[in-house]
Amino acid sequence: MFRTVAELIEIAEKENILISEVMIRQEMDVKEKTREEVYEEMEKNLQVMERAIDDAMQGVQSVTGLTGGDAVRIQKYMKEKTPLSGPLMMDAVSKAMGTNEVNAAMGIICATPTAGSAGCVPGTLFAVKEQLHPTREQMIRYLFTAGAFGFVVANNAFISGAAGGCQAEIGSAGAMAAAAIVEMAGGTAQQSSDAFAMTLKNMLGLVCDPVAGLVEVPCVKRNAAGSSLAIVSADLALAGVTSRIPCDEVIGAMYRIGKQMPSSLRETGEGGLADTPTGRLLKKKIYGNTN
């Protein structure tokens, strides 16, 4: 039904339907399932996200000890002080990081679009929920909207750090979240596209450099950056700010940048933060002397 963001927006505008509705219809067509069946599948994903955030708020720790407990620390900070970036922003950051803490602790999460970037979409969803008070259906549609843009990225570029750097993971995840926020807030399909583009533009060139090759440092905190940028971009789009570079062209630029990245900066754990003195020390502490 659609392969590019331009085609997605054209269908939504021509038929006067939401982006989420375009994605639902495509899922029904491709999977040959009823609307109820498609909804039920996405409801299950939503439930997994809810449980992951609930688990995170109880406090989790990874086996390596590199990550864990920060989601709880942020919630405590929010109760004791007024966050400089505002409660909604920090709530999203807490829940995004918490989701990835659960992932690092070998818990169950929903990859959106990957495990390493799984915090941005649910983190923002359950934060804006407190302000927008969506129905359950609107929350499910939030995921379909995010999925529609993720579908385009996956089919025209890449969503894995190994293929295109962290710009492909956190960049895509944050952008997907931004587009979904806009729809939930009552924005237009074009505004969702602009929010996606503005988020991804600000993540271009982000390398994938996991310390010790693990999806922990700096991955968990990058979900904080992705979710916060998603909220800012959504606000910009809703305010009428547009992306000078069309969404599909931004995705294309991300693809070309990823292809130009050396392998040391694409999830191999050989460059960037992984190759700092502390990064190497942490790797040795975890694995021992592997030389």
Protein backbone atom coordinates (compact mmCIF):
# COMPACT_ATOMS: atom_id res chain seq x y z
CA MET A 1 0.00 0.00 0.00
CA PHE A 2 2.87 2.41 0.76
CA ARG A 3 6.64 2.23 0.71
CA THR A 4 7.68 5.82 1.36
CA VAL A 5 6.59 8.46 3.85
CA ALA A 6 5.34 10.59 0.95
CA GLU A 7 3.06 7.76 -0.13
CA LEU A 8 1.93 7.22 3.46
CA ILE A 9 1.01 10.90 3.86
CA GLU A 10 -0.68 10.99 0.46
CA ILE A 11 -2.97 8.09 1.37
CA ALA A 12 -3.82 9.57 4.78
CA GLU A 13 -4.66 12.96 3.29
CA LYS A 14 -6.50 11.67 0.23
CA GLU A 15 -8.73 9.34 2.25
CA ASN A 16 -8.90 11.71 5.24
CA ILE A 17 -7.76 9.03 7.69
CA LEU A 18 -5.09 8.80 10.36
CA ILE A 19 -1.64 7.38 9.64
CA SER A 20 -2.41 4.67 12.17
CA GLU A 21 -5.46 3.70 10.12
CA VAL A 22 -3.34 3.39 6.97
CA MET A 23 -1.01 1.04 8.83
CA ILE A 24 -3.86 -1.00 10.29
CA ARG A 25 -5.36 -1.52 6.84
CA GLN A 26 -1.99 -2.52 5.44
CA GLU A 27 -1.48 -5.04 8.25
CA MET A 28 -4.93 -6.48 7.58
CA ASP A 29 -4.13 -6.80 3.90
CA VAL A 30 -0.60 -8.20 4.19
CA LYS A 31 -1.33 -10.61 7.04
CA GLU A 32 -4.82 -11.45 5.79
CA LYS A 33 -6.26 -10.89 9.25
CA THR A 34 -9.30 -9.07 10.59
CA ARG A 35 -9.13 -5.68 12.24
CA GLU A 36 -9.79 -7.36 15.58
CA GLU A 37 -6.89 -9.79 15.08
CA VAL A 38 -4.50 -7.01 14.12
CA TYR A 39 -5.59 -4.95 17.11
CA GLU A 40 -5.15 -7.92 19.42
CA GLU A 41 -1.58 -8.43 18.26
CA MET A 42 -0.70 -4.80 18.95
CA GLU A 43 -2.50 -4.91 22.30
CA LYS A 44 -0.15 -7.72 23.31
CA ASN A 45 2.84 -5.56 22.38
CA LEU A 46 1.41 -2.74 24.49
CA GLN A 47 1.02 -5.08 27.44
CA VAL A 48 4.66 -6.16 27.15
CA MET A 49 5.69 -2.50 27.20
CA GLU A 50 3.58 -1.83 30.28
CA ARG A 51 5.06 -4.78 32.17
CA ALA A 52 8.61 -3.76 31.26
CA ILE A 53 8.07 -0.25 32.62
CA ASP A 54 6.41 -1.63 35.76
CA ASP A 55 9.39 -3.95 36.30
CA ALA A 56 11.82 -1.08 35.76
CA MET A 57 10.09 1.04 38.38
CA GLN A 58 10.72 -1.73 40.91
CA GLY A 59 14.42 -1.49 40.14
CA VAL A 60 16.42 -3.87 37.95
CA GLN A 61 20.15 -4.54 37.55
CA SER A 62 22.07 -6.10 34.70
CA VAL A 63 24.33 -9.09 35.35
CA THR A 64 27.41 -7.02 34.53
CA GLY A 65 26.39 -4.23 36.88
CA LEU A 66 26.95 -1.65 34.14
CA THR A 67 23.32 -0.53 34.12
CA GLY A 68 20.26 -0.55 36.34
CA GLY A 69 18.37 1.54 38.85
CA ASP A 70 18.55 4.85 36.98
CA ALA A 71 14.84 4.86 36.08
CA VAL A 72 14.04 4.68 39.79
CA ARG A 73 16.60 7.39 40.59
CA ILE A 74 14.97 9.75 38.09
CA GLN A 75 11.48 9.15 39.51
CA LYS A 76 12.84 9.87 43.01
CA TYR A 77 14.49 13.05 41.74
CA MET A 78 11.20 14.16 40.17
CA LYS A 79 9.39 13.75 43.48
CA GLU A 80 11.98 15.65 45.46
CA LYS A 81 12.77 18.48 43.03
CA THR A 82 11.35 20.26 40.00
CA PRO A 83 13.14 18.93 36.91
CA LEU A 84 14.74 21.65 34.81
CA SER A 85 13.41 20.04 31.62
CA GLY A 86 9.94 19.53 33.06
CA PRO A 87 8.10 16.52 34.52
CA LEU A 88 6.78 15.15 31.22
CA MET A 89 10.21 15.11 29.64
CA MET A 90 11.89 13.45 32.59
CA ASP A 91 9.07 10.94 32.98
CA ALA A 92 9.62 9.90 29.37
CA VAL A 93 13.36 9.68 29.96
CA SER A 94 12.85 7.56 33.08
CA LYS A 95 10.50 5.14 31.36
CA ALA A 96 12.61 4.94 28.21
CA MET A 97 15.75 4.18 30.21
CA GLY A 98 13.80 1.80 32.41
CA THR A 99 12.66 -0.23 29.43
CA ASN A 100 16.25 -0.63 28.31
CA GLU A 101 17.39 -1.46 31.82
CA VAL A 102 14.91 -4.34 31.71
CA ASN A 103 16.39 -5.39 28.36
CA ALA A 104 19.93 -5.28 29.77
CA ALA A 105 18.74 -7.35 32.74
CA MET A 106 17.50 -10.01 30.28
CA GLY A 107 13.84 -9.11 30.82
CA ILE A 108 11.08 -9.11 28.21
CA ILE A 109 10.68 -6.00 26.06
CA CYS A 110 9.11 -5.14 22.72
CA ALA A 111 11.69 -4.18 20.09
CA THR A 112 10.69 -0.80 18.65
CA PRO A 113 12.37 -1.13 16.24
CA THR A 114 15.26 -2.93 18.02
CA ALA A 115 16.02 -4.12 21.53
CA GLY A 116 18.72 -1.50 21.96
CA SER A 117 16.29 1.29 21.07
CA ALA A 118 13.21 -0.24 22.70
CA GLY A 119 12.73 2.56 25.22
CA CYS A 120 11.87 5.56 23.04
CA VAL A 121 8.40 4.55 21.85
CA PRO A 122 6.98 3.19 25.14
CA GLY A 123 8.84 5.78 27.22
CA THR A 124 7.21 8.66 25.38
CA LEU A 125 3.85 6.92 25.13
CA PHE A 126 3.46 6.36 28.85
CA ALA A 127 4.72 9.85 29.62
CA VAL A 128 2.43 11.78 27.25
CA LYS A 129 -0.39 9.52 28.42
CA GLU A 130 -0.40 11.46 31.69
CA GLN A 131 -1.04 14.73 29.83
CA LEU A 132 -3.15 13.70 26.83
CA HIS A 133 -5.27 11.05 28.62
CA PRO A 134 -5.70 8.81 25.55
CA THR A 135 -8.14 5.93 25.31
CA ARG A 136 -6.76 2.40 25.04
CA GLU A 137 -7.52 2.49 21.33
CA GLN A 138 -5.51 5.69 20.91
CA MET A 139 -2.58 4.09 22.71
CA ILE A 140 -2.71 1.14 20.35
CA ARG A 141 -2.95 3.52 17.39
CA TYR A 142 0.15 5.28 18.74
CA LEU A 143 2.05 2.05 18.16
CA PHE A 144 0.60 1.61 14.67
CA THR A 145 1.69 5.14 13.74
CA ALA A 146 5.20 4.49 15.04
CA GLY A 147 5.18 1.20 13.16
CA ALA A 148 4.18 2.84 9.89
CA PHE A 149 7.26 5.05 9.92
CA GLY A 150 9.45 2.20 11.12
CA PHE A 151 8.17 0.16 8.20
CA VAL A 152 9.38 2.81 5.77
CA VAL A 153 12.82 3.03 7.39
CA ALA A 154 13.26 -0.74 7.47
CA ASN A 155 12.40 -1.01 3.78
CA ASN A 156 14.44 1.93 2.56
CA ALA A 157 17.41 2.12 4.91
CA PHE A 158 18.21 0.10 8.03
CA ILE A 159 17.23 -0.09 11.70
CA SER A 160 20.20 -1.96 13.15
CA GLY A 161 23.34 -0.48 14.65
CA ALA A 162 25.43 -3.15 12.97
CA ALA A 163 24.22 -1.99 9.58
CA GLY A 164 24.01 1.77 10.00
CA GLY A 165 25.19 2.91 13.43
CA CYS A 166 23.08 4.08 16.34
CA GLN A 167 21.44 6.68 14.09
CA ALA A 168 19.60 3.72 12.59
CA GLU A 169 18.44 2.47 16.01
CA ILE A 170 17.93 5.39 18.40
CA GLY A 171 17.48 7.78 15.49
CA SER A 172 14.70 5.72 13.99
CA ALA A 173 13.11 4.92 17.36
CA GLY A 174 13.04 8.54 18.50
CA ALA A 175 11.67 9.65 15.14
CA MET A 176 8.97 6.98 15.21
CA ALA A 177 7.97 8.18 18.68
CA ALA A 178 7.84 11.81 17.54
CA ALA A 179 5.49 10.98 14.68
CA ALA A 180 3.22 9.00 16.99
CA ILE A 181 3.12 11.77 19.60
CA VAL A 182 1.95 14.24 16.97
CA GLU A 183 -0.96 12.05 15.89
CA MET A 184 -2.02 11.41 19.48
CA ALA A 185 -1.89 15.15 20.14
CA GLY A 186 -4.23 15.82 17.22
CA GLY A 187 -1.65 16.89 14.64
CA THR A 188 -1.86 16.27 10.92
CA ALA A 189 -0.19 13.51 8.93
CA GLN A 190 2.25 16.04 7.49
CA GLN A 191 3.13 17.26 10.97
CA SER A 192 3.91 13.68 11.97
CA SER A 193 6.23 13.49 8.97
CA ASP A 194 7.92 16.74 9.95
CA ALA A 195 8.39 15.58 13.53
CA PHE A 196 9.93 12.34 12.32
CA ALA A 197 12.28 14.18 9.97
CA MET A 198 13.39 16.72 12.59
CA THR A 199 14.16 13.98 15.10
CA LEU A 200 16.14 11.83 12.68
CA LYS A 201 18.01 14.85 11.29
CA ASN A 202 19.36 15.54 14.75
CA MET A 203 20.54 11.95 15.14
CA LEU A 204 22.37 11.66 11.82
CA GLY A 205 25.89 10.34 12.19
CA LEU A 206 25.34 8.82 15.64
CA VAL A 207 27.70 5.87 15.92
CA CYS A 208 27.10 2.50 17.57
CA ASP A 209 29.93 1.96 20.05
CA PRO A 210 28.75 -0.38 22.84
CA VAL A 211 31.21 -0.83 25.68
CA ALA A 212 32.30 -4.48 25.88
CA GLY A 213 29.96 -5.14 22.96
CA LEU A 214 26.96 -5.13 25.29
CA VAL A 215 23.67 -3.28 24.80
CA GLU A 216 24.13 -1.27 27.99
CA VAL A 217 26.63 1.61 27.79
CA PRO A 218 25.87 4.04 26.19
CA CYS A 219 22.69 2.43 24.82
CA VAL A 220 20.44 2.91 27.85
CA LYS A 221 21.14 6.63 28.14
CA ARG A 222 20.82 7.13 24.40
CA ASN A 223 17.19 6.10 24.78
CA ALA A 224 16.90 9.09 27.11
CA ALA A 225 18.23 11.33 24.36
CA GLY A 226 16.00 9.78 21.71
CA SER A 227 12.83 10.11 23.77
CA SER A 228 13.53 13.71 24.80
CA LEU A 229 14.31 14.71 21.21
CA ALA A 230 11.07 13.04 20.11
CA ILE A 231 9.04 15.22 22.46
CA VAL A 232 10.83 18.41 21.38
CA SER A 233 10.38 17.58 17.69
CA ALA A 234 6.71 16.78 18.21
CA ASP A 235 6.20 20.16 19.84
CA LEU A 236 8.05 21.89 17.02
CA ALA A 237 5.86 20.22 14.40
CA LEU A 238 2.66 20.94 16.32
CA ALA A 239 3.77 24.59 16.53
CA GLY A 240 3.97 24.72 12.75
CA VAL A 241 7.72 24.30 12.35
CA THR A 242 8.50 22.22 9.25
CA SER A 243 11.46 20.22 8.03
CA ARG A 244 13.16 21.87 5.07
CA ILE A 245 14.44 18.46 3.98
CA PRO A 246 11.59 16.02 3.14
CA CYS A 247 11.25 13.02 5.41
CA ASP A 248 12.16 10.45 2.77
CA GLU A 249 15.30 12.39 1.88
CA VAL A 250 16.34 12.42 5.54
CA ILE A 251 15.92 8.65 5.64
CA GLY A 252 17.99 8.40 2.46
CA ALA A 253 20.71 10.57 3.99
CA MET A 254 20.77 8.34 7.08
CA TYR A 255 21.24 5.31 4.84
CA ARG A 256 24.15 6.84 2.94
CA ILE A 257 25.83 8.03 6.15
CA GLY A 258 25.50 4.56 7.62
CA LYS A 259 27.10 3.00 4.56
CA GLN A 260 30.04 5.39 4.95
CA MET A 261 30.64 4.53 8.61
CA PRO A 262 33.67 2.35 9.33
CA SER A 263 32.90 -1.04 10.86
CA SER A 264 34.57 0.04 14.11
CA LEU A 265 31.63 2.40 14.67
CA ARG A 266 28.88 -0.06 13.83
CA GLU A 267 28.21 -2.23 16.88
CA THR A 268 31.55 -4.04 16.85
CA GLY A 269 32.65 -2.48 20.13
CA GLU A 270 35.97 -1.53 18.56
CA GLY A 271 35.70 2.26 18.38
CA GLY A 272 34.15 5.32 19.96
CA LEU A 273 33.26 5.03 23.64
CA ALA A 274 34.11 1.33 23.61
CA ASP A 275 37.70 2.21 22.78
CA THR A 276 38.20 4.73 25.56
CA PRO A 277 40.51 3.84 28.48
CA THR A 278 37.51 3.30 30.76
CA GLY A 279 35.64 1.40 28.08
CA ARG A 280 38.54 -0.99 27.63
CA LEU A 281 38.93 -1.35 31.40
CA LEU A 282 35.24 -2.26 31.79
CA LYS A 283 35.54 -4.84 29.03
CA LYS A 284 38.55 -6.41 30.77
CA LYS A 285 36.69 -6.44 34.07
CA ILE A 286 33.75 -8.27 32.51
CA TYR A 287 35.55 -10.71 30.26
CA GLY A 288 39.04 -10.84 31.73
CA ASN A 289 42.19 -10.52 29.65
CA THR A 290 41.16 -11.82 26.23
CA ASN A 291 44.46 -11.08 24.50
